[in-house]
Amino acid sequence: MIVRRATSEDLEKLAVLFDEYRQFYGSSSNIRESHQFLQQRFSNQQSVIFIHVKDDVITGFVVLYLGFSSLACSSYYILDDVYVTPIYRRQGSAKQLIDTAILFARHEKAIRISLETQKNNYHSHELYEQMGFVKDTEFQTYHCFLQ
C-alpha cells in the first residue's frame, strides 16, 4: 500500500471513489459531476489530492485546499475531505493519508492544517486527536448558504 499525490491520469478511477464518498454523505450518485469537479481542481491547481493505492486500486484519498492567514501573513491548508472505501478501513489507510498531508503542509511551510468534521463522527475525532489535531474551543463556525 502506498500513498502518493494524485495526477490527472488518476482522474477516472478517483472520480468513482469520490462519487462513493459523496454518496456516503448523502449526495445522489453522479460520476459525471464528480469527474468534472475533480477535473476543475486539477486544471486550476486549486487543491492537492493524495491517494492511497493498493494493487492498482485507489482505496482512499485526502483533499487539501490552500488557505491564507492575514494575521500570520502565512498560508495554511484546509483538510476538506478524507475517505477510505469501507473494505479498506481499520487498516491504517486514513492515518497514512493524513500523515502524508501533514508532511506535505510542513514541507510547504504552512502554519497549520484545519478541518471540520461532523459532531457525531467519533472515530474520526479520536484519530485526529491521536495525530495531534486540537479541538477548537475558542471559535464558533458560521455559514452563509448562497444556494
C-alpha atoms as a PDB file:
ATOM      1  CA  MET A   1       0.000   0.000   0.000  1.00  0.00           C
ATOM      2  CA  ILE A   2       1.333   3.386  -0.950  1.00  0.00           C
ATOM      3  CA  VAL A   3       0.217   6.994  -0.639  1.00  0.00           C
ATOM      4  CA  ARG A   4       1.096   9.344  -3.440  1.00  0.00           C
ATOM      5  CA  ARG A   5      -0.057  12.622  -4.931  1.00  0.00           C
ATOM      6  CA  ALA A   6      -2.863  12.164  -7.433  1.00  0.00           C
ATOM      7  CA  THR A   7      -2.352  13.241 -11.020  1.00  0.00           C
ATOM      8  CA  SER A   8      -4.772  13.853 -13.862  1.00  0.00           C
ATOM      9  CA  GLU A   9      -4.056  10.281 -15.008  1.00  0.00           C
ATOM     10  CA  ASP A  10      -5.819   9.089 -11.823  1.00  0.00           C
ATOM     11  CA  LEU A  11      -8.922  11.124 -12.555  1.00  0.00           C
ATOM     12  CA  GLU A  12     -11.154   8.357 -13.940  1.00  0.00           C
ATOM     13  CA  LYS A  13     -10.619   5.977 -11.008  1.00  0.00           C
ATOM     14  CA  LEU A  14     -10.572   8.788  -8.458  1.00  0.00           C
ATOM     15  CA  ALA A  15     -13.902  10.154  -9.705  1.00  0.00           C
ATOM     16  CA  VAL A  16     -15.561   6.794  -8.979  1.00  0.00           C
ATOM     17  CA  LEU A  17     -14.235   6.790  -5.399  1.00  0.00           C
ATOM     18  CA  PHE A  18     -15.078  10.485  -4.979  1.00  0.00           C
ATOM     19  CA  ASP A  19     -18.645   9.726  -6.076  1.00  0.00           C
ATOM     20  CA  GLU A  20     -18.781   6.921  -3.493  1.00  0.00           C
ATOM     21  CA  TYR A  21     -17.611   9.419  -0.852  1.00  0.00           C
ATOM     22  CA  ARG A  22     -20.304  11.915  -1.842  1.00  0.00           C
ATOM     23  CA  GLN A  23     -22.956   9.189  -1.610  1.00  0.00           C
ATOM     24  CA  PHE A  24     -21.638   8.229   1.836  1.00  0.00           C
ATOM     25  CA  TYR A  25     -22.521  11.765   2.960  1.00  0.00           C
ATOM     26  CA  GLY A  26     -25.981  11.745   1.390  1.00  0.00           C
ATOM     27  CA  SER A  27     -25.491  13.067  -2.148  1.00  0.00           C
ATOM     28  CA  SER A  28     -27.001  11.278  -5.117  1.00  0.00           C
ATOM     29  CA  SER A  29     -24.627   9.362  -7.334  1.00  0.00           C
ATOM     30  CA  ASN A  30     -23.338  11.483 -10.197  1.00  0.00           C
ATOM     31  CA  ILE A  31     -19.989  10.316 -11.533  1.00  0.00           C
ATOM     32  CA  ARG A  32     -20.032  12.940 -14.286  1.00  0.00           C
ATOM     33  CA  GLU A  33     -20.384  15.732 -11.725  1.00  0.00           C
ATOM     34  CA  SER A  34     -17.703  14.180  -9.506  1.00  0.00           C
ATOM     35  CA  HIS A  35     -15.377  13.878 -12.501  1.00  0.00           C
ATOM     36  CA  GLN A  36     -15.991  17.497 -13.565  1.00  0.00           C
ATOM     37  CA  PHE A  37     -15.414  18.782 -10.044  1.00  0.00           C
ATOM     38  CA  LEU A  38     -12.109  16.943  -9.729  1.00  0.00           C
ATOM     39  CA  GLN A  39     -11.063  17.928 -13.246  1.00  0.00           C
ATOM     40  CA  GLN A  40     -11.560  21.598 -12.342  1.00  0.00           C
ATOM     41  CA  ARG A  41      -9.475  21.202  -9.195  1.00  0.00           C
ATOM     42  CA  PHE A  42      -6.656  19.645 -11.243  1.00  0.00           C
ATOM     43  CA  SER A  43      -6.900  22.084 -14.151  1.00  0.00           C
ATOM     44  CA  ASN A  44      -6.971  25.170 -11.939  1.00  0.00           C
ATOM     45  CA  GLN A  45      -4.466  23.799  -9.417  1.00  0.00           C
ATOM     46  CA  GLN A  46      -6.962  24.536  -6.639  1.00  0.00           C
ATOM     47  CA  SER A  47      -6.276  21.529  -4.466  1.00  0.00           C
ATOM     48  CA  VAL A  48      -3.735  18.915  -3.533  1.00  0.00           C
ATOM     49  CA  ILE A  49      -5.047  15.371  -3.526  1.00  0.00           C
ATOM     50  CA  PHE A  50      -3.215  12.375  -2.120  1.00  0.00           C
ATOM     51  CA  ILE A  51      -4.445   8.865  -2.853  1.00  0.00           C
ATOM     52  CA  HIS A  52      -3.956   5.567  -1.083  1.00  0.00           C
ATOM     53  CA  VAL A  53      -3.293   2.767  -3.586  1.00  0.00           C
ATOM     54  CA  LYS A  54      -3.272  -0.993  -3.100  1.00  0.00           C
ATOM     55  CA  ASP A  55      -2.745  -3.340  -6.055  1.00  0.00           C
ATOM     56  CA  ASP A  56      -3.517  -0.534  -8.542  1.00  0.00           C
ATOM     57  CA  VAL A  57      -6.825   0.205  -6.773  1.00  0.00           C
ATOM     58  CA  ILE A  58      -7.394   3.643  -5.254  1.00  0.00           C
ATOM     59  CA  THR A  59      -8.691   2.805  -1.793  1.00  0.00           C
ATOM     60  CA  GLY A  60      -8.812   6.280  -0.270  1.00  0.00           C
ATOM     61  CA  PHE A  61      -7.964   9.931  -0.662  1.00  0.00           C
ATOM     62  CA  VAL A  62      -7.397  13.188   1.182  1.00  0.00           C
ATOM     63  CA  VAL A  63      -8.078  16.616  -0.325  1.00  0.00           C
ATOM     64  CA  LEU A  64      -6.295  19.784   0.791  1.00  0.00           C
ATOM     65  CA  TYR A  65      -7.164  23.350  -0.151  1.00  0.00           C
ATOM     66  CA  LEU A  66      -4.834  26.281   0.379  1.00  0.00           C
ATOM     67  CA  GLY A  67      -5.928  29.000   2.792  1.00  0.00           C
ATOM     68  CA  PHE A  68      -4.282  32.181   3.991  1.00  0.00           C
ATOM     69  CA  SER A  69      -3.946  33.737   7.423  1.00  0.00           C
ATOM     70  CA  SER A  70      -3.954  37.517   7.354  1.00  0.00           C
ATOM     71  CA  LEU A  71      -2.794  37.782  10.963  1.00  0.00           C
ATOM     72  CA  ALA A  72       0.134  35.398  10.497  1.00  0.00           C
ATOM     73  CA  CYS A  73       0.836  36.555   6.928  1.00  0.00           C
ATOM     74  CA  SER A  74       1.174  32.912   6.071  1.00  0.00           C
ATOM     75  CA  SER A  75      -0.588  30.027   4.409  1.00  0.00           C
ATOM     76  CA  TYR A  76      -2.361  27.016   5.852  1.00  0.00           C
ATOM     77  CA  TYR A  77      -4.220  24.038   4.438  1.00  0.00           C
ATOM     78  CA  ILE A  78      -7.826  23.033   4.862  1.00  0.00           C
ATOM     79  CA  LEU A  79      -8.270  19.286   5.024  1.00  0.00           C
ATOM     80  CA  ASP A  80     -11.696  19.204   3.433  1.00  0.00           C
ATOM     81  CA  ASP A  81     -12.146  15.544   2.554  1.00  0.00           C
ATOM     82  CA  VAL A  82     -10.660  12.285   3.750  1.00  0.00           C
ATOM     83  CA  TYR A  83     -12.216   8.998   2.731  1.00  0.00           C
ATOM     84  CA  VAL A  84     -11.332   5.322   2.701  1.00  0.00           C
ATOM     85  CA  THR A  85     -13.634   2.840   0.987  1.00  0.00           C
ATOM     86  CA  PRO A  86     -15.279   0.599   3.612  1.00  0.00           C
ATOM     87  CA  ILE A  87     -13.473  -2.684   2.860  1.00  0.00           C
ATOM     88  CA  TYR A  88     -10.088  -0.994   3.438  1.00  0.00           C
ATOM     89  CA  ARG A  89     -10.965   0.739   6.706  1.00  0.00           C
ATOM     90  CA  ARG A  90      -9.306  -0.050  10.026  1.00  0.00           C
ATOM     91  CA  GLN A  91      -6.032  -0.883   8.263  1.00  0.00           C
ATOM     92  CA  GLY A  92      -4.254   2.434   8.818  1.00  0.00           C
ATOM     93  CA  SER A  93      -5.112   3.957   5.441  1.00  0.00           C
ATOM     94  CA  ALA A  94      -6.671   7.158   6.822  1.00  0.00           C
ATOM     95  CA  LYS A  95      -3.704   7.640   9.145  1.00  0.00           C
ATOM     96  CA  GLN A  96      -1.284   7.235   6.228  1.00  0.00           C
ATOM     97  CA  LEU A  97      -3.232   9.752   4.153  1.00  0.00           C
ATOM     98  CA  ILE A  98      -3.339  12.311   6.967  1.00  0.00           C
ATOM     99  CA  ASP A  99       0.353  11.747   7.797  1.00  0.00           C
ATOM    100  CA  THR A 100       1.184  12.481   4.165  1.00  0.00           C
ATOM    101  CA  ALA A 101      -0.957  15.626   4.232  1.00  0.00           C
ATOM    102  CA  ILE A 102       0.853  16.815   7.377  1.00  0.00           C
ATOM    103  CA  LEU A 103       4.285  16.145   5.863  1.00  0.00           C
ATOM    104  CA  PHE A 104       3.286  17.983   2.702  1.00  0.00           C
ATOM    105  CA  ALA A 105       1.969  21.010   4.622  1.00  0.00           C
ATOM    106  CA  ARG A 106       5.159  21.143   6.708  1.00  0.00           C
ATOM    107  CA  HIS A 107       7.252  20.963   3.540  1.00  0.00           C
ATOM    108  CA  GLU A 108       5.243  23.870   2.115  1.00  0.00           C
ATOM    109  CA  LYS A 109       5.912  25.845   5.337  1.00  0.00           C
ATOM    110  CA  ALA A 110       2.207  26.127   6.163  1.00  0.00           C
ATOM    111  CA  ILE A 111       1.365  27.196   9.703  1.00  0.00           C
ATOM    112  CA  ARG A 112      -1.384  24.591  10.221  1.00  0.00           C
ATOM    113  CA  ILE A 113      -3.922  22.212   8.792  1.00  0.00           C
ATOM    114  CA  SER A 114      -7.520  22.954   9.727  1.00  0.00           C
ATOM    115  CA  LEU A 115     -10.520  20.667   9.341  1.00  0.00           C
ATOM    116  CA  GLU A 116     -14.153  20.335  10.247  1.00  0.00           C
ATOM    117  CA  THR A 117     -15.993  17.096  10.872  1.00  0.00           C
ATOM    118  CA  GLN A 118     -19.449  16.100  11.970  1.00  0.00           C
ATOM    119  CA  LYS A 119     -20.017  16.239  15.714  1.00  0.00           C
ATOM    120  CA  ASN A 120     -21.043  12.570  15.830  1.00  0.00           C
ATOM    121  CA  ASN A 121     -18.057  11.278  13.826  1.00  0.00           C
ATOM    122  CA  TYR A 122     -16.386   9.918  16.967  1.00  0.00           C
ATOM    123  CA  HIS A 123     -13.952   7.540  15.242  1.00  0.00           C
ATOM    124  CA  SER A 124     -12.537  10.409  13.202  1.00  0.00           C
ATOM    125  CA  HIS A 125     -12.369  12.676  16.257  1.00  0.00           C
ATOM    126  CA  GLU A 126     -10.283  10.065  18.026  1.00  0.00           C
ATOM    127  CA  LEU A 127      -7.947   9.629  15.051  1.00  0.00           C
ATOM    128  CA  TYR A 128      -7.473  13.384  14.563  1.00  0.00           C
ATOM    129  CA  GLU A 129      -6.679  13.910  18.229  1.00  0.00           C
ATOM    130  CA  GLN A 130      -4.222  10.981  18.237  1.00  0.00           C
ATOM    131  CA  MET A 131      -2.490  12.623  15.276  1.00  0.00           C
ATOM    132  CA  GLY A 132      -2.051  15.952  17.055  1.00  0.00           C
ATOM    133  CA  PHE A 133      -5.122  17.904  15.936  1.00  0.00           C
ATOM    134  CA  VAL A 134      -6.564  20.078  18.695  1.00  0.00           C
ATOM    135  CA  LYS A 135     -10.285  20.743  19.034  1.00  0.00           C
ATOM    136  CA  ASP A 136     -11.080  24.446  18.750  1.00  0.00           C
ATOM    137  CA  THR A 137     -12.960  25.698  21.775  1.00  0.00           C
ATOM    138  CA  GLU A 138     -12.479  29.408  21.076  1.00  0.00           C
ATOM    139  CA  PHE A 139     -14.184  29.977  17.735  1.00  0.00           C
ATOM    140  CA  GLN A 140     -17.736  29.278  16.563  1.00  0.00           C
ATOM    141  CA  THR A 141     -18.322  28.291  12.941  1.00  0.00           C
ATOM    142  CA  TYR A 142     -20.982  30.055  10.890  1.00  0.00           C
ATOM    143  CA  HIS A 143     -22.089  29.564   7.315  1.00  0.00           C
ATOM    144  CA  CYS A 144     -23.980  31.795   4.908  1.00  0.00           C
ATOM    145  CA  PHE A 145     -25.539  29.414   2.413  1.00  0.00           C
ATOM    146  CA  LEU A 146     -25.940  31.007  -1.010  1.00  0.00           C
ATOM    147  CA  GLN A 147     -27.694  28.206  -2.865  1.00  0.00           C
END
